[in-house]
C-alpha atoms as a PDB file:
ATOM      1  CA  MET A   1     -54.227 -36.883 -17.039  1.00  0.00           C
ATOM      2  CA  LYS A   2     -51.683 -35.035 -14.944  1.00  0.00           C
ATOM      3  CA  PRO A   3     -52.840 -34.048 -11.449  1.00  0.00           C
ATOM      4  CA  CYS A   4     -53.733 -30.381 -11.245  1.00  0.00           C
ATOM      5  CA  ARG A   5     -51.054 -29.578  -8.672  1.00  0.00           C
ATOM      6  CA  PRO A   6     -50.885 -25.819  -9.304  1.00  0.00           C
ATOM      7  CA  VAL A   7     -54.351 -25.422  -7.811  1.00  0.00           C
ATOM      8  CA  GLN A   8     -53.417 -26.887  -4.426  1.00  0.00           C
ATOM      9  CA  GLU A   9     -52.495 -23.509  -2.974  1.00  0.00           C
ATOM     10  CA  HIS A  10     -56.038 -22.335  -3.751  1.00  0.00           C
ATOM     11  CA  THR A  11     -57.791 -25.307  -2.209  1.00  0.00           C
ATOM     12  CA  TRP A  12     -58.841 -23.516   0.949  1.00  0.00           C
ATOM     13  CA  LYS A  13     -60.130 -20.527  -1.049  1.00  0.00           C
ATOM     14  CA  VAL A  14     -62.336 -22.988  -2.848  1.00  0.00           C
ATOM     15  CA  ALA A  15     -63.411 -24.429   0.479  1.00  0.00           C
ATOM     16  CA  ALA A  16     -64.429 -20.991   1.700  1.00  0.00           C
ATOM     17  CA  ARG A  17     -66.496 -20.296  -1.417  1.00  0.00           C
ATOM     18  CA  VAL A  18     -68.191 -23.678  -1.611  1.00  0.00           C
ATOM     19  CA  SER A  19     -69.007 -23.906   2.067  1.00  0.00           C
ATOM     20  CA  SER A  20     -69.716 -20.277   2.997  1.00  0.00           C
ATOM     21  CA  ALA A  21     -73.487 -20.608   2.706  1.00  0.00           C
ATOM     22  CA  TRP A  22     -73.515 -23.973   4.464  1.00  0.00           C
ATOM     23  CA  SER A  23     -71.328 -22.823   7.364  1.00  0.00           C
ATOM     24  CA  ARG A  24     -73.501 -19.767   8.023  1.00  0.00           C
ATOM     25  CA  MET A  25     -76.498 -21.885   8.988  1.00  0.00           C
ATOM     26  CA  ALA A  26     -76.923 -24.207  11.948  1.00  0.00           C
ATOM     27  CA  PHE A  27     -77.541 -27.861  11.127  1.00  0.00           C
ATOM     28  CA  VAL A  28     -80.803 -27.801  13.068  1.00  0.00           C
ATOM     29  CA  ALA A  29     -82.023 -24.931  10.899  1.00  0.00           C
ATOM     30  CA  ALA A  30     -81.115 -26.925   7.796  1.00  0.00           C
ATOM     31  CA  LEU A  31     -83.308 -29.768   8.951  1.00  0.00           C
ATOM     32  CA  ALA A  32     -86.222 -27.358   9.060  1.00  0.00           C
ATOM     33  CA  LEU A  33     -85.978 -27.040   5.303  1.00  0.00           C
ATOM     34  CA  LEU A  34     -86.947 -30.679   4.836  1.00  0.00           C
ATOM     35  CA  ALA A  35     -90.596 -29.717   4.629  1.00  0.00           C
ATOM     36  CA  GLY A  36     -89.875 -27.377   1.725  1.00  0.00           C
ATOM     37  CA  LEU A  37     -87.664 -29.934   0.021  1.00  0.00           C
ATOM     38  CA  ALA A  38     -90.509 -32.389   0.060  1.00  0.00           C
ATOM     39  CA  GLY A  39     -92.071 -30.233  -2.621  1.00  0.00           C
ATOM     40  CA  ILE A  40     -89.381 -31.194  -5.125  1.00  0.00           C
ATOM     41  CA  PRO A  41     -90.452 -34.218  -7.157  1.00  0.00           C
ATOM     42  CA  ARG A  42     -88.299 -37.283  -6.445  1.00  0.00           C
ATOM     43  CA  PRO A  43     -88.555 -39.684  -9.385  1.00  0.00           C
ATOM     44  CA  ALA A  44     -86.936 -43.078  -9.106  1.00  0.00           C
ATOM     45  CA  GLN A  45     -83.187 -42.531  -9.338  1.00  0.00           C
ATOM     46  CA  ALA A  46     -82.601 -45.013 -12.167  1.00  0.00           C
ATOM     47  CA  GLN A  47     -85.370 -43.437 -14.241  1.00  0.00           C
ATOM     48  CA  ALA A  48     -84.210 -39.867 -13.496  1.00  0.00           C
ATOM     49  CA  GLU A  49     -80.604 -40.649 -14.370  1.00  0.00           C
ATOM     50  CA  GLN A  50     -81.736 -41.909 -17.769  1.00  0.00           C
ATOM     51  CA  SER A  51     -83.883 -38.831 -18.370  1.00  0.00           C
ATOM     52  CA  ILE A  52     -81.503 -36.447 -20.139  1.00  0.00           C
ATOM     53  CA  VAL A  53     -82.484 -32.795 -19.857  1.00  0.00           C
ATOM     54  CA  VAL A  54     -79.446 -30.996 -21.306  1.00  0.00           C
ATOM     55  CA  ILE A  55     -76.553 -31.997 -23.575  1.00  0.00           C
ATOM     56  CA  VAL A  56     -73.355 -29.954 -23.178  1.00  0.00           C
ATOM     57  CA  ASN A  57     -70.923 -30.847 -25.967  1.00  0.00           C
ATOM     58  CA  ASP A  58     -72.117 -34.478 -25.856  1.00  0.00           C
ATOM     59  CA  ASP A  59     -71.917 -34.456 -22.039  1.00  0.00           C
ATOM     60  CA  PRO A  60     -75.396 -35.216 -20.608  1.00  0.00           C
ATOM     61  CA  ILE A  61     -77.089 -33.638 -17.603  1.00  0.00           C
ATOM     62  CA  SER A  62     -79.919 -35.747 -16.242  1.00  0.00           C
ATOM     63  CA  ALA A  63     -83.088 -34.826 -14.396  1.00  0.00           C
ATOM     64  CA  TYR A  64     -81.560 -36.497 -11.356  1.00  0.00           C
ATOM     65  CA  ASP A  65     -78.464 -34.259 -11.551  1.00  0.00           C
ATOM     66  CA  ILE A  66     -80.665 -31.167 -11.624  1.00  0.00           C
ATOM     67  CA  GLU A  67     -82.924 -32.402  -8.829  1.00  0.00           C
ATOM     68  CA  GLN A  68     -79.896 -33.090  -6.627  1.00  0.00           C
ATOM     69  CA  ARG A  69     -78.333 -29.695  -7.280  1.00  0.00           C
ATOM     70  CA  GLU A  70     -81.660 -27.942  -6.668  1.00  0.00           C
ATOM     71  CA  ARG A  71     -81.959 -29.664  -3.298  1.00  0.00           C
ATOM     72  CA  PHE A  72     -78.399 -28.669  -2.398  1.00  0.00           C
ATOM     73  CA  LEU A  73     -79.062 -25.037  -3.356  1.00  0.00           C
ATOM     74  CA  ALA A  74     -82.270 -25.027  -1.309  1.00  0.00           C
ATOM     75  CA  ILE A  75     -80.274 -26.101   1.736  1.00  0.00           C
ATOM     76  CA  THR A  76     -77.355 -23.701   1.313  1.00  0.00           C
ATOM     77  CA  THR A  77     -79.208 -20.591   0.123  1.00  0.00           C
ATOM     78  CA  HIS A  78     -82.428 -20.891   2.168  1.00  0.00           C
ATOM     79  CA  GLU A  79     -84.401 -20.550  -1.060  1.00  0.00           C
ATOM     80  CA  GLU A  80     -87.716 -22.292  -1.504  1.00  0.00           C
ATOM     81  CA  PRO A  81     -87.985 -24.905  -4.278  1.00  0.00           C
ATOM     82  CA  SER A  82     -89.159 -23.104  -7.425  1.00  0.00           C
ATOM     83  CA  ALA A  83     -88.780 -22.941 -11.177  1.00  0.00           C
ATOM     84  CA  ALA A  84     -86.193 -20.193 -10.699  1.00  0.00           C
ATOM     85  CA  LEU A  85     -84.117 -22.343  -8.348  1.00  0.00           C
ATOM     86  CA  LYS A  86     -84.318 -25.274 -10.771  1.00  0.00           C
ATOM     87  CA  LYS A  87     -83.087 -23.023 -13.589  1.00  0.00           C
ATOM     88  CA  LYS A  88     -80.264 -21.803 -11.368  1.00  0.00           C
ATOM     89  CA  ALA A  89     -79.256 -25.408 -10.639  1.00  0.00           C
ATOM     90  CA  THR A  90     -79.363 -26.262 -14.346  1.00  0.00           C
ATOM     91  CA  GLU A  91     -77.200 -23.287 -15.334  1.00  0.00           C
ATOM     92  CA  MET A  92     -74.700 -24.111 -12.593  1.00  0.00           C
ATOM     93  CA  LEU A  93     -74.361 -27.678 -13.862  1.00  0.00           C
ATOM     94  CA  ILE A  94     -73.886 -26.483 -17.449  1.00  0.00           C
ATOM     95  CA  GLU A  95     -71.068 -24.189 -16.362  1.00  0.00           C
ATOM     96  CA  GLU A  96     -69.417 -26.972 -14.375  1.00  0.00           C
ATOM     97  CA  ARG A  97     -69.591 -29.323 -17.366  1.00  0.00           C
ATOM     98  CA  LEU A  98     -67.867 -26.676 -19.483  1.00  0.00           C
ATOM     99  CA  GLN A  99     -65.228 -26.090 -16.824  1.00  0.00           C
ATOM    100  CA  MET A 100     -64.439 -29.785 -16.493  1.00  0.00           C
ATOM    101  CA  GLN A 101     -64.339 -30.171 -20.290  1.00  0.00           C
ATOM    102  CA  GLN A 102     -61.853 -27.306 -20.529  1.00  0.00           C
ATOM    103  CA  ALA A 103     -59.744 -28.925 -17.822  1.00  0.00           C
ATOM    104  CA  LYS A 104     -59.742 -32.186 -19.772  1.00  0.00           C
ATOM    105  CA  LYS A 105     -58.473 -30.358 -22.861  1.00  0.00           C
ATOM    106  CA  LEU A 106     -55.590 -28.986 -20.797  1.00  0.00           C
ATOM    107  CA  GLY A 107     -54.832 -32.349 -19.187  1.00  0.00           C
ATOM    108  CA  LEU A 108     -55.861 -31.182 -15.712  1.00  0.00           C
ATOM    109  CA  THR A 109     -57.831 -32.994 -13.059  1.00  0.00           C
ATOM    110  CA  PRO A 110     -58.243 -32.042  -9.386  1.00  0.00           C
ATOM    111  CA  PRO A 111     -56.448 -34.467  -7.045  1.00  0.00           C
ATOM    112  CA  GLU A 112     -58.936 -36.368  -4.913  1.00  0.00           C
ATOM    113  CA  GLU A 113     -56.936 -35.513  -1.791  1.00  0.00           C
ATOM    114  CA  ASP A 114     -57.704 -31.831  -2.457  1.00  0.00           C
ATOM    115  CA  VAL A 115     -61.408 -32.599  -2.775  1.00  0.00           C
ATOM    116  CA  ALA A 116     -61.230 -34.542   0.489  1.00  0.00           C
ATOM    117  CA  LYS A 117     -59.390 -31.639   2.147  1.00  0.00           C
ATOM    118  CA  VAL A 118     -62.104 -29.154   1.166  1.00  0.00           C
ATOM    119  CA  LEU A 119     -64.821 -31.542   2.329  1.00  0.00           C
ATOM    120  CA  ALA A 120     -63.047 -32.062   5.657  1.00  0.00           C
ATOM    121  CA  GLY A 121     -62.806 -28.291   6.139  1.00  0.00           C
ATOM    122  CA  MET A 122     -66.526 -27.890   5.553  1.00  0.00           C
ATOM    123  CA  ALA A 123     -67.341 -30.677   7.988  1.00  0.00           C
ATOM    124  CA  GLU A 124     -65.027 -29.208  10.627  1.00  0.00           C
ATOM    125  CA  LYS A 125     -66.784 -25.825  10.448  1.00  0.00           C
ATOM    126  CA  ASN A 126     -69.991 -27.628  11.360  1.00  0.00           C
ATOM    127  CA  ASN A 127     -68.338 -29.722  14.104  1.00  0.00           C
ATOM    128  CA  MET A 128     -68.837 -32.869  12.044  1.00  0.00           C
ATOM    129  CA  SER A 129     -66.739 -35.540  10.402  1.00  0.00           C
ATOM    130  CA  PRO A 130     -66.863 -35.888   6.592  1.00  0.00           C
ATOM    131  CA  ASP A 131     -68.930 -39.065   7.001  1.00  0.00           C
ATOM    132  CA  ALA A 132     -71.358 -37.260   9.296  1.00  0.00           C
ATOM    133  CA  LEU A 133     -71.669 -34.433   6.770  1.00  0.00           C
ATOM    134  CA  ALA A 134     -72.421 -36.947   4.021  1.00  0.00           C
ATOM    135  CA  SER A 135     -75.026 -38.579   6.248  1.00  0.00           C
ATOM    136  CA  ALA A 136     -76.632 -35.230   7.108  1.00  0.00           C
ATOM    137  CA  LEU A 137     -76.925 -34.299   3.443  1.00  0.00           C
ATOM    138  CA  GLY A 138     -78.303 -37.750   2.712  1.00  0.00           C
ATOM    139  CA  GLN A 139     -81.070 -37.199   5.253  1.00  0.00           C
ATOM    140  CA  MET A 140     -82.037 -34.117   3.270  1.00  0.00           C
ATOM    141  CA  GLY A 141     -82.083 -36.055   0.010  1.00  0.00           C
ATOM    142  CA  VAL A 142     -78.712 -34.874  -1.295  1.00  0.00           C
ATOM    143  CA  ASN A 143     -76.082 -37.373  -2.421  1.00  0.00           C
ATOM    144  CA  ILE A 144     -72.592 -36.342  -1.265  1.00  0.00           C
ATOM    145  CA  LYS A 145     -71.478 -36.767  -4.898  1.00  0.00           C
ATOM    146  CA  THR A 146     -73.367 -33.571  -5.720  1.00  0.00           C
ATOM    147  CA  LEU A 147     -71.173 -31.588  -3.352  1.00  0.00           C
ATOM    148  CA  LYS A 148     -67.983 -33.339  -4.458  1.00  0.00           C
ATOM    149  CA  ASP A 149     -68.740 -32.582  -8.096  1.00  0.00           C
ATOM    150  CA  ARG A 150     -69.163 -28.917  -7.213  1.00  0.00           C
ATOM    151  CA  ILE A 151     -65.846 -28.878  -5.345  1.00  0.00           C
ATOM    152  CA  ARG A 152     -63.996 -30.605  -8.194  1.00  0.00           C
ATOM    153  CA  ALA A 153     -65.256 -28.087 -10.738  1.00  0.00           C
ATOM    154  CA  GLN A 154     -64.280 -25.079  -8.624  1.00  0.00           C
ATOM    155  CA  ILE A 155     -60.816 -26.413  -7.810  1.00  0.00           C
ATOM    156  CA  VAL A 156     -59.974 -27.204 -11.410  1.00  0.00           C
ATOM    157  CA  TRP A 157     -61.482 -23.951 -12.710  1.00  0.00           C
ATOM    158  CA  GLN A 158     -59.298 -21.891 -10.398  1.00  0.00           C
ATOM    159  CA  GLY A 159     -56.316 -23.810 -11.746  1.00  0.00           C
ATOM    160  CA  ILE A 160     -57.321 -22.978 -15.319  1.00  0.00           C
ATOM    161  CA  VAL A 161     -57.840 -19.286 -14.547  1.00  0.00           C
ATOM    162  CA  GLN A 162     -54.534 -19.048 -12.693  1.00  0.00           C
ATOM    163  CA  ARG A 163     -52.675 -20.729 -15.533  1.00  0.00           C
ATOM    164  CA  LYS A 164     -54.206 -18.429 -18.171  1.00  0.00           C
ATOM    165  CA  PHE A 165     -54.223 -15.036 -16.469  1.00  0.00           C
ATOM    166  CA  ARG A 166     -51.845 -14.985 -13.485  1.00  0.00           C
ATOM    167  CA  ARG A 167     -48.959 -13.411 -15.405  1.00  0.00           C
ATOM    168  CA  ASP A 168     -51.216 -10.886 -17.128  1.00  0.00           C
ATOM    169  CA  VAL A 169     -52.830  -9.462 -14.002  1.00  0.00           C
ATOM    170  CA  VAL A 170     -50.628  -6.973 -12.156  1.00  0.00           C
ATOM    171  CA  ILE A 171     -51.975  -4.771  -9.368  1.00  0.00           C
ATOM    172  CA  GLY A 172     -49.943  -1.571  -9.181  1.00  0.00           C
ATOM    173  CA  ASP A 173     -49.318   0.658  -6.189  1.00  0.00           C
ATOM    174  CA  ALA A 174     -51.667   3.326  -7.568  1.00  0.00           C
ATOM    175  CA  ALA A 175     -54.555   0.863  -7.608  1.00  0.00           C
ATOM    176  CA  VAL A 176     -53.810  -0.198  -4.025  1.00  0.00           C
ATOM    177  CA  ASP A 177     -53.540   3.444  -2.897  1.00  0.00           C
ATOM    178  CA  LYS A 178     -56.898   4.246  -4.516  1.00  0.00           C
ATOM    179  CA  ALA A 179     -58.602   1.233  -2.926  1.00  0.00           C
ATOM    180  CA  LEU A 180     -57.231   2.125   0.504  1.00  0.00           C
ATOM    181  CA  ALA A 181     -58.296   5.751   0.099  1.00  0.00           C
ATOM    182  CA  ASN A 182     -61.810   4.730  -0.958  1.00  0.00           C
ATOM    183  CA  SER A 183     -62.092   2.495   2.088  1.00  0.00           C
ATOM    184  CA  GLY A 184     -60.753   5.177   4.426  1.00  0.00           C
ATOM    185  CA  GLN A 185     -57.756   3.038   5.372  1.00  0.00           C
ATOM    186  CA  ALA A 186     -55.009   4.894   3.545  1.00  0.00           C
ATOM    187  CA  GLY A 187     -53.586   6.433   6.681  1.00  0.00           C
ATOM    188  CA  LYS A 188     -50.427   8.537   6.655  1.00  0.00           C
ATOM    189  CA  ALA A 189     -47.307   7.737   4.717  1.00  0.00           C
ATOM    190  CA  SER A 190     -45.101   5.532   6.857  1.00  0.00           C
ATOM    191  CA  ASP A 191     -41.329   5.659   7.184  1.00  0.00           C
ATOM    192  CA  GLU A 192     -41.017   2.295   5.453  1.00  0.00           C
ATOM    193  CA  THR A 193     -39.598   2.090   1.972  1.00  0.00           C
ATOM    194  CA  ALA A 194     -40.268  -0.702  -0.485  1.00  0.00           C
ATOM    195  CA  LEU A 195     -37.376  -1.670  -2.756  1.00  0.00           C
ATOM    196  CA  GLN A 196     -37.163  -3.089  -6.259  1.00  0.00           C
ATOM    197  CA  LEU A 197     -33.912  -5.038  -6.407  1.00  0.00           C
ATOM    198  CA  ARG A 198     -31.867  -7.341  -8.590  1.00  0.00           C
ATOM    199  CA  GLN A 199     -29.949  -9.889  -6.547  1.00  0.00           C
ATOM    200  CA  VAL A 200     -26.711 -11.062  -8.137  1.00  0.00           C
ATOM    201  CA  LYS A 201     -25.404 -14.307  -6.693  1.00  0.00           C
ATOM    202  CA  PHE A 202     -22.347 -16.509  -7.278  1.00  0.00           C
ATOM    203  CA  GLU A 203     -22.354 -19.885  -5.524  1.00  0.00           C
ATOM    204  CA  ILE A 204     -18.913 -20.749  -4.181  1.00  0.00           C
ATOM    205  CA  PRO A 205     -17.881 -24.401  -4.758  1.00  0.00           C
ATOM    206  CA  SER A 206     -16.909 -26.227  -1.574  1.00  0.00           C
ATOM    207  CA  ASN A 207     -13.432 -26.886  -2.988  1.00  0.00           C
ATOM    208  CA  ALA A 208     -12.824 -23.276  -4.099  1.00  0.00           C
ATOM    209  CA  ASP A 209      -9.553 -21.716  -2.948  1.00  0.00           C
ATOM    210  CA  GLN A 210      -8.886 -18.086  -2.125  1.00  0.00           C
ATOM    211  CA  ALA A 211      -7.767 -17.339  -5.683  1.00  0.00           C
ATOM    212  CA  ALA A 212     -11.053 -18.643  -7.134  1.00  0.00           C
ATOM    213  CA  ILE A 213     -13.098 -16.621  -4.636  1.00  0.00           C
ATOM    214  CA  ALA A 214     -11.092 -13.488  -5.396  1.00  0.00           C
ATOM    215  CA  LYS A 215     -11.713 -14.010  -9.130  1.00  0.00           C
ATOM    216  CA  GLN A 216     -15.470 -14.197  -8.605  1.00  0.00           C
ATOM    217  CA  LEU A 217     -15.400 -11.096  -6.379  1.00  0.00           C
ATOM    218  CA  ALA A 218     -13.556  -9.275  -9.142  1.00  0.00           C
ATOM    219  CA  THR A 219     -16.167 -10.367 -11.703  1.00  0.00           C
ATOM    220  CA  VAL A 220     -19.022  -8.966  -9.611  1.00  0.00           C
ATOM    221  CA  GLU A 221     -17.061  -5.785  -8.925  1.00  0.00           C
ATOM    222  CA  ALA A 222     -16.481  -5.323 -12.650  1.00  0.00           C
ATOM    223  CA  LEU A 223     -20.203  -5.762 -13.281  1.00  0.00           C
ATOM    224  CA  ARG A 224     -20.949  -3.206 -10.583  1.00  0.00           C
ATOM    225  CA  ALA A 225     -18.717  -0.658 -12.282  1.00  0.00           C
ATOM    226  CA  ARG A 226     -20.541  -1.048 -15.598  1.00  0.00           C
ATOM    227  CA  ILE A 227     -24.143  -1.018 -14.316  1.00  0.00           C
ATOM    228  CA  GLN A 228     -25.935   2.264 -14.981  1.00  0.00           C
ATOM    229  CA  SER A 229     -29.492   0.991 -14.530  1.00  0.00           C
ATOM    230  CA  CYS A 230     -31.353  -2.288 -14.069  1.00  0.00           C
ATOM    231  CA  ALA A 231     -32.157  -2.250 -17.775  1.00  0.00           C
ATOM    232  CA  ASP A 232     -28.481  -3.084 -18.384  1.00  0.00           C
ATOM    233  CA  PHE A 233     -28.647  -6.447 -16.591  1.00  0.00           C
ATOM    234  CA  ALA A 234     -29.790  -8.624 -19.486  1.00  0.00           C
ATOM    235  CA  THR A 235     -26.880  -7.454 -21.655  1.00  0.00           C
ATOM    236  CA  LEU A 236     -24.122  -7.213 -19.055  1.00  0.00           C
ATOM    237  CA  THR A 237     -24.767 -10.563 -17.355  1.00  0.00           C
ATOM    238  CA  LYS A 238     -25.111 -12.544 -20.570  1.00  0.00           C
ATOM    239  CA  GLY A 239     -22.517 -15.300 -20.734  1.00  0.00           C
ATOM    240  CA  LEU A 240     -21.318 -14.960 -17.118  1.00  0.00           C
ATOM    241  CA  GLN A 241     -20.937 -18.527 -15.881  1.00  0.00           C
ATOM    242  CA  GLY A 242     -22.221 -19.451 -12.427  1.00  0.00           C
ATOM    243  CA  MET A 243     -24.103 -16.187 -11.878  1.00  0.00           C
ATOM    244  CA  THR A 244     -27.818 -16.058 -11.089  1.00  0.00           C
ATOM    245  CA  VAL A 245     -29.910 -12.880 -11.181  1.00  0.00           C
ATOM    246  CA  LYS A 246     -33.175 -12.711  -9.252  1.00  0.00           C
ATOM    247  CA  SER A 247     -35.767  -9.910  -9.275  1.00  0.00           C
ATOM    248  CA  LEU A 248     -37.082  -8.899  -5.838  1.00  0.00           C
ATOM    249  CA  GLN A 249     -40.221  -6.760  -5.998  1.00  0.00           C
ATOM    250  CA  ASP A 250     -41.457  -4.636  -3.076  1.00  0.00           C
ATOM    251  CA  GLN A 251     -38.699  -5.934  -0.814  1.00  0.00           C
ATOM    252  CA  MET A 252     -38.844  -4.502   2.696  1.00  0.00           C
ATOM    253  CA  PRO A 253     -35.450  -3.444   4.090  1.00  0.00           C
ATOM    254  CA  THR A 254     -36.131  -5.276   7.361  1.00  0.00           C
ATOM    255  CA  SER A 255     -36.113  -8.564   5.442  1.00  0.00           C
ATOM    256  CA  LEU A 256     -32.472  -8.016   4.466  1.00  0.00           C
ATOM    257  CA  ALA A 257     -29.629  -8.957   6.781  1.00  0.00           C
ATOM    258  CA  GLN A 258     -26.863  -6.565   7.712  1.00  0.00           C
ATOM    259  CA  PRO A 259     -24.667  -5.212   6.203  1.00  0.00           C
ATOM    260  CA  VAL A 260     -26.721  -5.671   3.001  1.00  0.00           C
ATOM    261  CA  ARG A 261     -29.605  -3.634   4.436  1.00  0.00           C
ATOM    262  CA  THR A 262     -27.446  -0.577   5.066  1.00  0.00           C
ATOM    263  CA  LEU A 263     -25.661  -0.896   1.714  1.00  0.00           C
ATOM    264  CA  VAL A 264     -28.952  -1.097  -0.184  1.00  0.00           C
ATOM    265  CA  MET A 265     -30.563   1.806   1.655  1.00  0.00           C
ATOM    266  CA  ASN A 266     -27.506   3.994   1.012  1.00  0.00           C
ATOM    267  CA  ALA A 267     -27.321   3.087  -2.683  1.00  0.00           C
ATOM    268  CA  LYS A 268     -29.014   5.294  -5.255  1.00  0.00           C
ATOM    269  CA  VAL A 269     -31.474   3.957  -7.808  1.00  0.00           C
ATOM    270  CA  GLY A 270     -29.439   2.429 -10.637  1.00  0.00           C
ATOM    271  CA  GLU A 271     -26.470   1.658  -8.396  1.00  0.00           C
ATOM    272  CA  MET A 272     -25.202  -1.739  -7.295  1.00  0.00           C
ATOM    273  CA  THR A 273     -23.846  -2.569  -3.837  1.00  0.00           C
ATOM    274  CA  PRO A 274     -20.305  -3.896  -3.394  1.00  0.00           C
ATOM    275  CA  PRO A 275     -20.070  -7.698  -3.483  1.00  0.00           C
ATOM    276  CA  ALA A 276     -20.070  -9.435  -0.104  1.00  0.00           C
ATOM    277  CA  LEU A 277     -19.598 -13.000   1.116  1.00  0.00           C
ATOM    278  CA  SER A 278     -22.802 -14.528   2.457  1.00  0.00           C
ATOM    279  CA  GLY A 279     -22.432 -18.129   3.595  1.00  0.00           C
ATOM    280  CA  SER A 280     -21.317 -20.149   0.601  1.00  0.00           C
ATOM    281  CA  ALA A 281     -22.076 -17.427  -1.953  1.00  0.00           C
ATOM    282  CA  ILE A 282     -21.049 -13.994  -3.147  1.00  0.00           C
ATOM    283  CA  GLU A 283     -23.990 -11.565  -3.291  1.00  0.00           C
ATOM    284  CA  ALA A 284     -24.615  -8.050  -4.499  1.00  0.00           C
ATOM    285  CA  TYR A 285     -27.795  -6.050  -5.020  1.00  0.00           C
ATOM    286  CA  ALA A 286     -28.717  -3.515  -7.673  1.00  0.00           C
ATOM    287  CA  VAL A 287     -31.335  -0.959  -6.642  1.00  0.00           C
ATOM    288  CA  CYS A 288     -33.943  -0.588  -9.393  1.00  0.00           C
ATOM    289  CA  GLY A 289     -36.429   1.536  -7.493  1.00  0.00           C
ATOM    290  CA  LYS A 290     -37.582   2.818  -4.115  1.00  0.00           C
ATOM    291  CA  HIS A 291     -40.966   4.068  -3.009  1.00  0.00           C
ATOM    292  CA  ALA A 292     -42.578   4.973   0.294  1.00  0.00           C
ATOM    293  CA  ILE A 293     -45.257   2.629   1.589  1.00  0.00           C
ATOM    294  CA  LYS A 294     -48.522   4.377   2.501  1.00  0.00           C
ATOM    295  CA  GLY A 295     -50.495   2.780   5.283  1.00  0.00           C
ATOM    296  CA  ASP A 296     -49.958  -0.504   7.067  1.00  0.00           C
ATOM    297  CA  PRO A 297     -47.956  -2.993   4.930  1.00  0.00           C
ATOM    298  CA  THR A 298     -50.200  -5.876   6.022  1.00  0.00           C
ATOM    299  CA  GLN A 299     -53.307  -3.917   5.056  1.00  0.00           C
ATOM    300  CA  ARG A 300     -51.756  -3.101   1.687  1.00  0.00           C
ATOM    301  CA  GLU A 301     -50.979  -6.755   1.069  1.00  0.00           C
ATOM    302  CA  GLN A 302     -54.525  -7.778   1.930  1.00  0.00           C
ATOM    303  CA  THR A 303     -55.938  -5.049  -0.320  1.00  0.00           C
ATOM    304  CA  GLU A 304     -53.684  -6.062  -3.198  1.00  0.00           C
ATOM    305  CA  ARG A 305     -54.760  -9.691  -2.792  1.00  0.00           C
ATOM    306  CA  LYS A 306     -58.415  -8.648  -2.793  1.00  0.00           C
ATOM    307  CA  LEU A 307     -57.959  -6.570  -5.950  1.00  0.00           C
ATOM    308  CA  MET A 308     -56.143  -9.473  -7.581  1.00  0.00           C
ATOM    309  CA  GLU A 309     -58.992 -11.859  -6.760  1.00  0.00           C
ATOM    310  CA  GLN A 310     -61.539  -9.381  -8.118  1.00  0.00           C
ATOM    311  CA  GLU A 311     -59.650  -8.959 -11.386  1.00  0.00           C
ATOM    312  CA  MET A 312     -59.117 -12.704 -11.740  1.00  0.00           C
ATOM    313  CA  GLY A 313     -62.845 -13.178 -11.117  1.00  0.00           C
ATOM    314  CA  ILE A 314     -63.663 -10.770 -13.953  1.00  0.00           C
ATOM    315  CA  ARG A 315     -61.259 -12.597 -16.268  1.00  0.00           C
ATOM    316  CA  ALA A 316     -62.765 -15.945 -15.241  1.00  0.00           C
ATOM    317  CA  GLU A 317     -66.300 -14.756 -16.044  1.00  0.00           C
ATOM    318  CA  GLY A 318     -65.172 -13.588 -19.458  1.00  0.00           C
ATOM    319  CA  LEU A 319     -63.379 -16.852 -20.181  1.00  0.00           C
ATOM    320  CA  LEU A 320     -66.402 -18.921 -19.197  1.00  0.00           C
ATOM    321  CA  ARG A 321     -68.648 -16.711 -21.292  1.00  0.00           C
ATOM    322  CA  ASP A 322     -66.414 -17.266 -24.337  1.00  0.00           C
ATOM    323  CA  ILE A 323     -66.272 -21.032 -23.736  1.00  0.00           C
ATOM    324  CA  ARG A 324     -70.053 -21.179 -23.420  1.00  0.00           C
ATOM    325  CA  GLN A 325     -70.548 -19.164 -26.604  1.00  0.00           C
ATOM    326  CA  ASP A 326     -68.517 -21.733 -28.544  1.00  0.00           C
ATOM    327  CA  ALA A 327     -70.211 -24.730 -26.918  1.00  0.00           C
ATOM    328  CA  PHE A 328     -73.044 -26.865 -28.248  1.00  0.00           C
ATOM    329  CA  ILE A 329     -75.817 -26.855 -25.633  1.00  0.00           C
ATOM    330  CA  GLU A 330     -79.088 -28.636 -26.348  1.00  0.00           C
ATOM    331  CA  TYR A 331     -82.092 -28.436 -24.010  1.00  0.00           C
ATOM    332  CA  ARG A 332     -84.494 -31.368 -24.226  1.00  0.00           C
END
């Protein structure tokens, strides 16, 4: 299997979700739950592992697996051992089996270094080393493998969801404006303007002479004269050797160096700036759109990220529901 590298950027999000309940409680308070945990039957491990309770597409879940997850949930959620908690543990394990099976179909597996990174982050929040965390869980009757299995499933599932839906989920400015208004954080329209740009770039070879550079400048200038809107780019740049075109969404003018910043701000929508030498390249920018930013840009970015996570969460729930509907699940 190929390592699931695309999920690495989400590793710490996974850490926050897996460890949030654990990090909210003091370790001493967790120890107080030992009396309640004693109420969970503890059959011999070898016997419990052989006692299959659920089959998920030929993947077994044993009584021991369920007992371990129930103990972990009792610690992290402060819930008393009960039939409801056992059912919750069972359903969680079924979902994780389905998630890992889907990952296997796609050739994905979470790198062990990512699992270790999440575990280290959890331990650090509790002023412990990973070994000390494993030992603490062991004292409460929970094998560290239970936690690692949970982390693996969440890491790989986020990778699956990102791969399937990331390009489909787009959070527009109207949605961000509405969310900010509902939260009372919209504020007044600022003087900042966000730009939608197309960057046209010609790399200049190190051995290029003045004639070659002038030829490339003329090519970009000719393109500039023909551009009427950004919709023309695909047709007009087709076949131009050495040219790259990059879309820049919601670009803040302050991120552009002078004189490009002034040229872009003075250009009308649909116009292209004159070509200019920038280091070892010739650059020009077409302005595809401009809009005023309402509220603090940082707050907008955070709100957009939150809306994105919410939408991805909805898509993930639907995907898991569909996978479960098609699965063979047998309770014994």
